[in-house]
Protein backbone atom coordinates (compact mmCIF):
# COMPACT_ATOMS: atom_id res chain seq x y z
CA MET A 1 0.00 0.00 0.00
CA ILE A 2 1.13 3.52 -0.78
CA ASN A 3 0.00 6.48 1.32
CA THR A 4 0.39 9.86 -0.31
CA THR A 5 -0.92 13.41 -0.23
CA LEU A 6 -2.96 14.54 -3.23
CA TYR A 7 -3.85 18.18 -3.77
CA LYS A 8 -7.16 19.81 -4.63
CA GLY A 9 -7.12 21.39 -8.08
CA TYR A 10 -4.84 18.79 -9.66
CA ASP A 11 -5.77 15.84 -11.83
CA TYR A 12 -3.80 12.67 -11.17
CA VAL A 13 -3.14 9.56 -13.22
CA ILE A 14 -1.82 6.50 -11.39
CA ILE A 15 -0.22 3.91 -13.65
CA GLY A 16 0.94 0.45 -12.70
CA ALA A 17 3.16 -1.85 -14.71
CA GLY A 18 4.01 -5.49 -14.22
CA ASP A 19 6.75 -7.45 -15.94
CA SER A 20 5.94 -10.18 -18.49
CA SER A 21 5.17 -12.78 -15.80
CA VAL A 22 2.46 -10.56 -14.27
CA LYS A 23 -0.90 -11.33 -15.88
CA ASP A 24 -3.32 -9.31 -13.72
CA LEU A 25 -2.37 -6.23 -11.70
CA ASP A 26 -5.05 -3.95 -10.24
CA LEU A 27 -5.07 -0.56 -8.52
CA LYS A 28 -7.54 1.02 -6.11
CA ILE A 29 -7.38 4.50 -4.61
CA TYR A 30 -9.15 5.44 -1.38
CA ASP A 31 -9.54 8.81 0.31
CA GLY A 32 -8.43 9.42 3.89
CA ASN A 33 -11.72 7.97 5.19
CA TRP A 34 -11.24 4.77 3.16
CA ASN A 35 -13.97 5.63 0.65
CA LEU A 36 -13.19 4.12 -2.74
CA VAL A 37 -12.36 6.91 -5.21
CA ASN A 38 -11.50 4.86 -8.30
CA GLN A 39 -10.28 1.42 -9.32
CA ASP A 40 -8.96 -0.59 -12.22
CA SER A 41 -10.20 -4.15 -12.39
CA LYS A 42 -9.30 -5.13 -15.95
CA THR A 43 -7.39 -8.36 -16.47
CA ASP A 44 -4.08 -6.89 -17.61
CA ASN A 45 -0.67 -5.93 -16.24
CA ILE A 46 -0.91 -2.18 -16.90
CA PRO A 47 -3.64 -0.70 -14.68
CA ILE A 48 -4.49 2.99 -15.05
CA ILE A 49 -6.75 5.04 -12.77
CA LYS A 50 -7.52 8.75 -12.47
CA ALA A 51 -8.29 10.93 -9.47
CA SER A 52 -9.29 14.59 -9.11
CA PRO A 53 -9.45 15.26 -5.36
CA ARG A 54 -12.06 17.71 -4.09
CA TRP A 55 -9.75 18.48 -1.15
CA THR A 56 -6.09 18.23 -0.23
CA GLY A 57 -5.40 15.24 1.97
CA ARG A 58 -4.05 11.74 2.43
CA PHE A 59 -5.01 9.05 -0.05
CA HIS A 60 -4.27 5.34 -0.03
CA ILE A 61 -3.32 3.39 -3.15
CA LYS A 62 -3.63 -0.39 -3.05
CA VAL A 63 -1.76 -2.52 -5.57
CA LYS A 64 -2.94 -6.12 -5.92
CA MET A 65 -1.43 -8.80 -8.14
CA TYR A 66 -4.20 -11.29 -8.87
CA ASN A 67 -2.29 -13.44 -11.33
CA GLY A 68 1.46 -13.74 -11.75
CA ASN A 69 4.58 -13.65 -9.62
CA GLY A 70 6.86 -11.00 -11.09
CA TYR A 71 7.79 -7.44 -10.29
CA SER A 72 5.59 -4.37 -10.52
CA ASN A 73 5.92 -0.61 -10.18
CA ILE A 74 3.57 2.34 -10.05
CA ALA A 75 3.87 5.99 -11.02
CA ILE A 76 1.74 8.84 -9.68
CA CYS A 77 1.55 11.63 -12.25
CA HIS A 78 -0.18 14.98 -11.83
CA LEU A 79 -1.31 17.50 -14.39
CA GLN A 80 -0.93 21.14 -13.45
CA PRO A 81 -4.13 23.17 -13.53
CA GLY A 82 -4.69 25.55 -16.41
């Protein structure tokens, strides 16, 4: 699990990537109260989710490998407003 601060007014894209032995990697993002904000549940090894927080605060990103046994990484990207 990754805990991070996201900022109001920014749009975020969270991208996961698994190596060739990873068949199913999923992402979920929760707000600070553990309400589900967005999720990827496709059967692939490159999950992508978006978030546009209505407030600045802590968010929790869960990474789950449902099928496979390799390595995975995630990137949290933000787009500047305007």
